[in-house]
Amino acid sequence: MKVKLKVLDERLWDLIDPEAEMEEIVPDMHLTEGALWDYKEHRLLFNDIPVSNTMYWKKSGESGVLFSNGKKANGQCFDPQGRLIVCEHATSFLSRCHTDGSGYEVLAKECMGVELNSPNDVVCRSDGLIYFTDPDYGRQDKPAGVYRPVPSDKRPVYLLNPEDGSIRIGADGFANPNGLCFSPDEKILYVNDSPNYCIEAFDVAQDGSLSERRRFASVPIMDTDDTVPDGMKIDEKGNVLCCGPDGLHYYLPDGTRLGVLIISHMDTALNFCWGGDDGKDLFITCIGSVLKTRTKVCGYTHIQYLDGVFPRKDKR
């Protein structure tokens, strides 16, 4: 079927073709998250959280369980060495492993003696510094969580140096931070705050510190579902895309809202990534399935891949 768009600004047509096809490529899932294109193996990786499966899909249509992560893994990203950095809901750990699940190690489980709430989504700066959100969703009695007491009233964004294991709070004062992404020059970090239906922006210093917090955009409550802001990424032009009510919300780098790529209520959009040979295949992880369409621009991770950043072309 053709994509369905709610157009608020005609510049949306520069980013996606209204004649593009939207197809379901992986049906019969539970709740999928952590969309990530593996350029080395030419496949999509994602997590089916409730059953703790790390999944794959290939262009041939083949899909299946890559490995059982056993920890209700959620958001994930590559580090500069091509390893997976993974948010775990069942353990409240941030971990690292290879794409076959081997070499597993815990990177973070507490900060200043206080357990993490439940790492939710994660991004890695090109120098290896890791940023992740820590809401309480993974401690709720829901299919994607394991009920446990919440250890703190903080809901921060953390910064982790994987070289020495040091962890610090980068920003706090969120109701529940969720998706996050960098601007192309990595000088701005965008973080959405789900209960407040907004996206915040921060200046990023060379040492990783965050400052100058300001409102980048609001994510409006729509008509057909109660989805909150969730997965978030940028394209090669620096446009910010954020999963939210009714689908995928498009914003220019200045915060102007362009419109929404509508996802049906039965396929509530939770996260997404670009991939494929040219980086213009758009994969959307949803409740119940994974969807695929095409855009006119590629995701910024494709540019990073061409530059040898995520994952590196060499084998160091």
Protein backbone atom coordinates (compact mmCIF):
# COMPACT_ATOMS: atom_id res chain seq x y z
CA MET A 1 0.00 0.00 0.00
CA LYS A 2 1.05 3.62 -0.50
CA VAL A 3 2.39 5.66 2.40
CA LYS A 4 -0.09 7.94 4.14
CA LEU A 5 1.09 11.43 5.00
CA LYS A 6 -0.28 14.33 7.00
CA VAL A 7 1.42 17.31 5.33
CA LEU A 8 1.79 20.56 7.26
CA ASP A 9 4.62 22.03 5.18
CA GLU A 10 5.24 21.28 1.50
CA ARG A 11 8.94 20.75 2.18
CA LEU A 12 7.92 17.29 3.41
CA TRP A 13 7.66 16.31 -0.29
CA ASP A 14 11.44 16.81 -0.56
CA LEU A 15 11.94 14.00 1.95
CA ILE A 16 9.42 11.33 1.06
CA ASP A 17 7.51 10.41 -2.09
CA PRO A 18 3.71 10.13 -1.61
CA GLU A 19 3.79 7.24 -4.09
CA ALA A 20 6.27 5.24 -1.98
CA GLU A 21 5.08 1.82 -0.90
CA MET A 22 4.72 0.82 2.75
CA GLU A 23 5.10 -2.92 3.31
CA GLU A 24 5.04 -5.23 6.30
CA ILE A 25 8.29 -7.21 6.18
CA VAL A 26 8.19 -9.04 9.54
CA PRO A 27 4.71 -9.96 10.85
CA ASP A 28 3.63 -11.81 13.98
CA MET A 29 5.92 -9.99 16.40
CA HIS A 30 5.11 -8.87 19.94
CA LEU A 31 6.68 -5.44 20.50
CA THR A 32 9.66 -4.54 18.35
CA GLU A 33 12.31 -1.94 19.13
CA GLY A 34 15.98 -1.11 18.66
CA ALA A 35 15.99 -0.86 14.85
CA LEU A 36 19.58 -0.87 13.57
CA TRP A 37 21.01 -1.52 10.10
CA ASP A 38 24.05 -3.79 10.07
CA TYR A 39 26.05 -2.61 7.03
CA LYS A 40 28.69 -5.28 7.45
CA GLU A 41 26.19 -8.14 7.11
CA HIS A 42 23.58 -6.24 5.06
CA ARG A 43 20.69 -6.91 7.41
CA LEU A 44 18.28 -5.23 9.80
CA LEU A 45 18.68 -5.93 13.50
CA PHE A 46 15.90 -5.31 16.01
CA ASN A 47 14.61 -6.57 19.36
CA ASP A 48 11.30 -8.25 20.14
CA ILE A 49 11.26 -7.07 23.75
CA PRO A 50 8.66 -9.24 25.55
CA VAL A 51 10.28 -12.52 24.42
CA SER A 52 13.89 -11.27 24.73
CA ASN A 53 14.82 -12.08 21.13
CA THR A 54 17.34 -10.17 19.07
CA MET A 55 16.06 -10.53 15.52
CA TYR A 56 17.32 -10.06 11.96
CA TRP A 57 15.81 -9.46 8.52
CA LYS A 58 17.55 -9.66 5.13
CA LYS A 59 16.61 -8.26 1.73
CA SER A 60 15.84 -11.79 0.56
CA GLY A 61 12.91 -11.74 2.99
CA GLU A 62 14.60 -14.14 5.39
CA SER A 63 14.08 -13.25 9.05
CA GLY A 64 14.44 -14.97 12.39
CA VAL A 65 16.01 -15.01 15.82
CA LEU A 66 19.65 -13.99 15.73
CA PHE A 67 20.14 -14.82 19.40
CA SER A 68 18.15 -14.85 22.62
CA ASN A 69 19.33 -11.90 24.70
CA GLY A 70 17.40 -13.07 27.78
CA LYS A 71 17.08 -9.54 29.16
CA LYS A 72 14.22 -7.81 27.33
CA ALA A 73 16.66 -5.74 25.30
CA ASN A 74 15.28 -2.45 24.00
CA GLY A 75 17.21 0.35 22.27
CA GLN A 76 20.62 -0.38 20.79
CA CYS A 77 23.33 1.19 18.66
CA PHE A 78 26.76 0.42 17.25
CA ASP A 79 29.97 1.62 18.84
CA PRO A 80 32.87 2.67 16.58
CA GLN A 81 34.18 -0.91 16.63
CA GLY A 82 30.90 -2.34 15.33
CA ARG A 83 29.79 -3.84 18.65
CA LEU A 84 26.24 -3.57 19.94
CA ILE A 85 25.56 -1.24 22.86
CA VAL A 86 22.28 -2.48 24.35
CA CYS A 87 19.68 -1.17 26.82
CA GLU A 88 18.28 -3.99 28.99
CA HIS A 89 14.85 -3.62 30.59
CA ALA A 90 14.90 -6.81 32.66
CA THR A 91 18.23 -6.10 34.38
CA SER A 92 18.49 -2.29 34.15
CA PHE A 93 21.96 -2.73 32.66
CA LEU A 94 23.65 -1.08 29.72
CA SER A 95 25.67 -3.81 28.03
CA ARG A 96 27.93 -4.51 25.06
CA CYS A 97 28.25 -7.56 22.84
CA HIS A 98 29.06 -8.67 19.31
CA THR A 99 26.26 -9.01 16.77
CA ASP A 100 26.02 -12.74 17.42
CA GLY A 101 25.53 -12.15 21.16
CA SER A 102 29.05 -13.27 22.09
CA GLY A 103 31.49 -11.26 24.17
CA TYR A 104 28.73 -9.99 26.45
CA GLU A 105 29.79 -7.52 29.15
CA VAL A 106 28.00 -5.07 31.42
CA LEU A 107 29.05 -1.47 30.86
CA ALA A 108 26.86 0.23 33.48
CA LYS A 109 24.40 -0.79 36.18
CA GLU A 110 24.57 2.11 38.63
CA CYS A 111 25.69 5.70 39.09
CA MET A 112 27.08 6.96 42.38
CA GLY A 113 25.85 3.81 44.12
CA VAL A 114 22.27 4.09 42.85
CA GLU A 115 20.93 1.48 40.42
CA LEU A 116 19.91 2.60 36.96
CA ASN A 117 16.14 2.75 36.41
CA SER A 118 15.94 0.96 33.05
CA PRO A 119 18.13 2.14 30.16
CA ASN A 120 15.82 2.73 27.22
CA ASP A 121 17.63 4.15 24.22
CA VAL A 122 21.27 4.86 23.43
CA VAL A 123 23.53 6.72 21.00
CA CYS A 124 27.28 6.62 20.61
CA ARG A 125 29.31 9.69 19.68
CA SER A 126 31.91 9.14 16.96
CA ASP A 127 34.68 9.22 19.58
CA GLY A 128 33.00 6.37 21.50
CA LEU A 129 31.33 8.35 24.30
CA ILE A 130 27.93 6.81 25.07
CA TYR A 131 24.72 8.68 25.92
CA PHE A 132 21.62 6.85 27.13
CA THR A 133 18.21 7.67 28.58
CA ASP A 134 17.09 6.14 31.87
CA PRO A 135 13.29 6.28 32.39
CA ASP A 136 11.40 3.81 34.57
CA TYR A 137 9.50 1.98 31.79
CA GLY A 138 11.45 -1.26 32.18
CA ARG A 139 10.43 -1.49 35.84
CA GLN A 140 6.72 -1.33 35.07
CA ASP A 141 4.48 -4.38 35.09
CA LYS A 142 4.05 -4.50 31.33
CA PRO A 143 5.11 -6.91 28.55
CA ALA A 144 8.24 -4.86 27.87
CA GLY A 145 9.18 -4.61 31.55
CA VAL A 146 9.69 -6.50 34.78
CA TYR A 147 8.04 -4.95 37.81
CA ARG A 148 10.55 -3.81 40.44
CA PRO A 149 10.79 -0.84 42.78
CA VAL A 150 12.20 2.28 41.13
CA PRO A 151 15.49 3.14 42.88
CA SER A 152 15.49 6.91 42.39
CA ASP A 153 13.32 9.88 41.57
CA LYS A 154 15.81 10.89 38.89
CA ARG A 155 15.06 10.24 35.20
CA PRO A 156 18.29 11.39 33.62
CA VAL A 157 20.35 11.16 30.48
CA TYR A 158 23.66 9.52 31.37
CA LEU A 159 27.09 9.85 29.80
CA LEU A 160 29.34 6.80 29.90
CA ASN A 161 33.01 6.62 28.97
CA PRO A 162 33.49 2.97 27.96
CA GLU A 163 37.28 3.29 28.18
CA ASP A 164 37.38 3.83 31.94
CA GLY A 165 33.79 2.94 32.92
CA SER A 166 33.08 6.39 34.36
CA ILE A 167 29.44 7.46 34.32
CA ARG A 168 27.87 10.82 35.04
CA ILE A 169 24.53 12.57 34.67
CA GLY A 170 24.43 14.67 31.54
CA ALA A 171 20.96 16.13 32.07
CA ASP A 172 18.06 15.62 34.47
CA GLY A 173 14.63 17.06 35.12
CA PHE A 174 12.73 14.87 32.64
CA ALA A 175 9.44 13.16 33.40
CA ASN A 176 10.73 10.14 31.43
CA PRO A 177 13.37 10.66 28.74
CA ASN A 178 13.14 8.27 25.81
CA GLY A 179 14.58 8.69 22.30
CA LEU A 180 17.73 10.68 21.58
CA CYS A 181 19.99 11.57 18.66
CA PHE A 182 22.83 13.91 17.67
CA SER A 183 22.88 16.64 15.07
CA PRO A 184 25.22 15.77 12.16
CA ASP A 185 28.12 17.76 13.68
CA GLU A 186 27.45 16.20 17.12
CA LYS A 187 27.25 19.66 18.68
CA ILE A 188 23.56 19.27 19.59
CA LEU A 189 21.90 16.36 21.40
CA TYR A 190 18.14 15.99 21.01
CA VAL A 191 16.22 14.15 23.75
CA ASN A 192 12.47 13.61 23.84
CA ASP A 193 10.53 13.58 27.10
CA SER A 194 7.62 11.19 26.58
CA PRO A 195 5.06 12.29 29.21
CA ASN A 196 5.60 15.95 28.30
CA TYR A 197 5.28 15.36 24.52
CA CYS A 198 8.32 17.45 23.72
CA ILE A 199 11.84 17.33 22.29
CA GLU A 200 14.60 19.13 24.16
CA ALA A 201 17.93 20.24 22.68
CA PHE A 202 21.30 20.58 24.42
CA ASP A 203 24.66 21.96 23.37
CA VAL A 204 27.36 19.27 23.53
CA ALA A 205 30.85 20.27 24.70
CA GLN A 206 34.03 18.55 23.58
CA ASP A 207 34.19 16.68 26.91
CA GLY A 208 30.60 15.49 26.35
CA SER A 209 28.93 17.81 28.85
CA LEU A 210 25.43 19.05 28.05
CA SER A 211 24.30 22.65 28.51
CA GLU A 212 21.91 25.34 27.23
CA ARG A 213 18.78 23.23 27.48
CA ARG A 214 15.94 24.55 25.33
CA ARG A 215 12.68 23.38 23.78
CA PHE A 216 13.29 22.18 20.22
CA ALA A 217 9.74 21.12 19.38
CA SER A 218 6.47 19.82 20.74
CA VAL A 219 5.03 16.48 19.64
CA PRO A 220 1.27 17.00 19.44
CA ILE A 221 -1.30 14.60 20.80
CA MET A 222 -3.18 13.32 17.76
CA ASP A 223 -6.59 11.79 17.16
CA THR A 224 -6.19 8.05 16.85
CA ASP A 225 -3.82 6.72 19.52
CA ASP A 226 -2.15 7.55 22.81
CA THR A 227 1.43 6.92 21.69
CA VAL A 228 4.08 9.13 23.28
CA PRO A 229 7.34 10.38 21.73
CA ASP A 230 9.66 7.39 21.38
CA GLY A 231 12.48 6.47 18.98
CA MET A 232 14.21 9.43 17.32
CA LYS A 233 16.90 9.87 14.64
CA ILE A 234 18.16 12.33 12.02
CA ASP A 235 18.54 12.14 8.27
CA GLU A 236 21.48 13.31 6.17
CA LYS A 237 20.11 16.87 6.05
CA GLY A 238 19.82 17.11 9.83
CA ASN A 239 16.04 16.79 9.91
CA VAL A 240 14.77 15.22 13.14
CA LEU A 241 12.28 12.34 12.94
CA CYS A 242 10.48 11.16 16.07
CA CYS A 243 8.03 8.31 16.61
CA GLY A 244 4.92 9.57 18.33
CA PRO A 245 1.13 9.78 18.11
CA ASP A 246 -0.12 8.42 14.77
CA GLY A 247 3.32 7.72 13.34
CA LEU A 248 6.62 9.34 12.45
CA HIS A 249 6.85 13.12 12.98
CA TYR A 250 9.16 15.18 10.75
CA TYR A 251 10.97 18.35 11.91
CA LEU A 252 13.44 20.65 10.17
CA PRO A 253 16.69 21.43 12.03
CA ASP A 254 15.12 24.70 13.21
CA GLY A 255 12.19 22.83 14.82
CA THR A 256 9.61 23.54 12.10
CA ARG A 257 7.12 20.67 11.99
CA LEU A 258 6.65 19.32 8.46
CA GLY A 259 4.08 16.61 9.04
CA VAL A 260 3.57 12.97 9.94
CA LEU A 261 4.17 9.68 8.17
CA ILE A 262 1.00 7.97 9.37
CA ILE A 263 1.29 4.47 10.83
CA SER A 264 -1.95 2.60 11.48
CA HIS A 265 -3.05 2.05 15.06
CA MET A 266 -2.46 -1.71 14.72
CA ASP A 267 1.20 -1.02 13.88
CA THR A 268 2.04 1.68 16.43
CA ALA A 269 5.50 3.05 15.56
CA LEU A 270 8.07 2.68 18.34
CA ASN A 271 11.45 3.12 16.66
CA PHE A 272 13.07 3.16 13.23
CA CYS A 273 16.28 3.34 11.25
CA TRP A 274 17.50 3.75 7.70
CA GLY A 275 19.49 1.11 5.85
CA GLY A 276 19.86 -0.73 2.58
CA ASP A 277 22.49 -0.16 -0.10
CA ASP A 278 21.93 3.59 -0.34
CA GLY A 279 20.67 4.25 3.20
CA LYS A 280 17.20 5.28 1.96
CA ASP A 281 15.27 2.20 3.06
CA LEU A 282 13.30 3.23 6.14
CA PHE A 283 12.52 0.45 8.64
CA ILE A 284 9.93 1.06 11.36
CA THR A 285 9.67 -1.23 14.39
CA CYS A 286 6.13 -1.41 15.73
CA ILE A 287 3.83 -3.22 18.08
CA GLY A 288 3.22 -6.48 16.23
CA SER A 289 5.41 -6.07 13.16
CA VAL A 290 8.23 -4.34 11.29
CA LEU A 291 7.43 -2.07 8.34
CA LYS A 292 9.55 -0.82 5.44
CA THR A 293 9.30 2.08 3.00
CA ARG A 294 11.62 4.38 1.00
CA THR A 295 12.62 8.00 1.51
CA LYS A 296 14.27 10.52 -0.80
CA VAL A 297 17.12 11.12 1.64
CA CYS A 298 19.25 8.69 3.57
CA GLY A 299 19.71 8.41 7.30
CA TYR A 300 22.75 10.12 8.78
CA THR A 301 24.15 6.80 10.00
CA HIS A 302 24.63 5.93 6.32
CA ILE A 303 26.95 8.92 5.98
CA GLN A 304 28.80 7.84 9.11
CA TYR A 305 29.18 4.38 7.64
CA LEU A 306 30.63 5.79 4.42
CA ASP A 307 33.04 7.80 6.56
CA GLY A 308 34.11 4.61 8.33
CA VAL A 309 32.54 5.42 11.70
CA PHE A 310 29.60 3.05 12.46
CA PRO A 311 30.74 0.32 12.15
CA ARG A 312 34.32 0.89 11.05
CA LYS A 313 35.40 -0.49 7.71
CA ASP A 314 38.64 -1.78 9.23
CA LYS A 315 38.69 -4.63 11.77
CA ARG A 316 40.46 -2.93 14.64
